[in-house]
Protein backbone atom coordinates (compact mmCIF):
# COMPACT_ATOMS: atom_id res chain seq x y z
CA MET A 1 105.24 44.23 103.84
CA ALA A 2 106.09 47.77 103.91
CA THR A 3 103.12 48.37 106.36
CA SER A 4 104.52 46.03 108.86
CA ILE A 5 107.98 47.56 108.66
CA ASN A 6 106.47 51.00 109.35
CA CYS A 7 104.51 49.75 112.18
CA SER A 8 107.55 48.07 113.74
CA ILE A 9 109.56 51.34 113.43
CA VAL A 10 106.76 53.25 115.12
CA PHE A 11 106.62 50.74 117.99
CA ALA A 12 110.39 50.82 118.30
CA ILE A 13 110.27 54.63 118.74
CA ILE A 14 107.55 54.41 121.28
CA ALA A 15 109.30 51.81 123.32
CA LEU A 16 112.56 53.92 123.22
CA SER A 17 110.71 56.93 124.50
CA LEU A 18 109.09 55.08 127.23
CA PHE A 19 112.29 53.43 128.49
CA SER A 20 114.22 56.72 128.29
CA SER A 21 111.42 58.41 130.50
CA ILE A 22 111.65 55.57 132.90
CA SER A 23 115.48 55.88 133.24
CA THR A 24 115.16 59.72 133.64
CA SER A 25 112.67 59.41 136.47
CA HIS A 26 114.83 56.68 138.11
CA ALA A 27 117.88 58.89 137.92
CA ALA A 28 115.97 61.95 139.37
CA ARG A 29 114.59 59.73 142.15
CA SER A 30 118.10 58.52 143.02
CA LEU A 31 119.44 62.04 143.19
CA LEU A 32 116.69 63.01 145.53
CA GLN A 33 117.58 60.11 147.84
CA LEU A 34 121.27 61.06 148.26
CA PRO A 35 122.47 61.93 151.71
CA ASN A 36 122.58 65.52 152.65
CA LEU A 37 125.52 67.17 150.92
CA PRO A 38 127.67 69.79 152.72
CA THR A 39 126.50 73.34 152.27
CA ILE A 40 128.37 75.70 150.06
CA PRO A 41 130.04 78.48 152.39
CA SER A 42 128.82 81.97 151.73
CA LEU A 43 131.38 84.18 149.82
CA PRO A 44 132.33 87.52 151.10
CA GLN A 45 130.40 90.40 149.54
CA PRO A 46 132.70 92.80 147.70
CA THR A 47 132.48 96.55 148.55
CA ARG A 48 131.21 98.62 145.75
CA PRO A 49 132.46 102.09 145.03
CA GLN A 50 130.11 104.97 145.73
CA LEU A 51 128.54 106.42 142.65
CA PRO A 52 129.37 110.16 142.08
CA ASN A 53 126.61 112.77 142.76
CA ILE A 54 124.77 114.01 139.84
CA PRO A 55 125.01 117.76 139.67
CA ASN A 56 121.79 119.75 139.91
CA LEU A 57 120.60 121.02 136.56
CA PRO A 58 119.04 124.49 136.20
CA THR A 59 115.19 124.20 136.27
CA THR A 60 114.59 127.45 134.46
CA LEU A 61 115.08 127.88 130.76
CA PRO A 62 116.93 130.93 129.22
CA PRO A 63 114.58 133.49 127.66
CA LEU A 64 113.87 133.02 123.97
CA PRO A 65 115.11 135.74 121.50
CA SER A 66 112.61 138.30 120.41
CA VAL A 67 110.92 138.16 117.00
CA SER A 68 112.38 141.56 116.02
CA SER A 69 116.07 140.46 116.57
CA LEU A 70 115.51 137.67 113.85
CA PRO A 71 116.74 138.31 110.39
CA THR A 72 114.18 138.60 107.74
CA LEU A 73 113.98 135.92 105.10
CA PRO A 74 114.27 136.71 101.47
CA SER A 75 111.06 136.50 99.42
CA ILE A 76 110.98 133.58 97.00
CA PRO A 77 110.19 134.30 93.38
CA LYS A 78 106.88 132.74 92.25
CA MET A 79 107.06 130.18 89.56
CA THR A 80 104.84 130.62 86.49
CA LEU A 81 104.16 127.76 84.27
CA PRO A 82 103.75 128.13 80.41
CA PRO A 83 100.27 127.75 79.10
CA MET A 84 99.28 124.22 78.25
CA PRO A 85 99.10 123.49 74.52
CA SER A 86 95.65 122.92 73.16
CA ILE A 87 94.90 119.26 72.63
CA ASN A 88 92.79 118.17 69.75
CA PRO A 89 89.79 116.10 70.93
CA LEU A 90 90.55 112.38 70.96
CA PRO A 91 89.04 110.43 68.10
CA ASN A 92 86.11 108.12 68.75
CA MET A 93 87.21 104.52 69.54
CA PRO A 94 85.64 101.97 67.37
CA SER A 95 83.31 99.57 69.06
CA ILE A 96 84.65 96.19 69.93
CA PRO A 97 82.98 93.41 67.99
CA ASN A 98 81.36 90.60 70.16
CA MET A 99 83.94 87.73 69.88
CA ILE A 100 81.89 85.21 72.00
CA PRO A 101 79.89 82.98 69.66
CA THR A 102 76.39 82.05 70.68
CA LEU A 103 75.89 78.31 71.06
CA SER A 104 73.22 76.84 68.76
CA PRO A 105 71.51 73.42 69.27
CA PRO A 106 73.12 70.66 67.15
CA PRO A 107 71.40 69.84 63.82
CA SER A 108 68.91 67.25 63.98
CA ASN A 109 69.18 64.19 61.60
């Protein structure tokens, strides 16, 4: 019962899509068969203002200052770290016991 309802819904959607494409193509064909419409008159072109001229930029760069005229940088004090404390050796880690039991065959009767 539910399958027949689903099939009828699918067929209805297909039919609607076919009829809508037929009406769309019919409308497009009728638009193409219209008599020649009057042409749109051309509008006058507005006059645009002239852009200002870009000034010429200098092509040579000014000379760089000499190294002797630069101020000297102060020296930065060096940081010294305190000595590291001695670390006792780590204790030995105990071994991990094997937690996976081995499977033995079932006892025979």
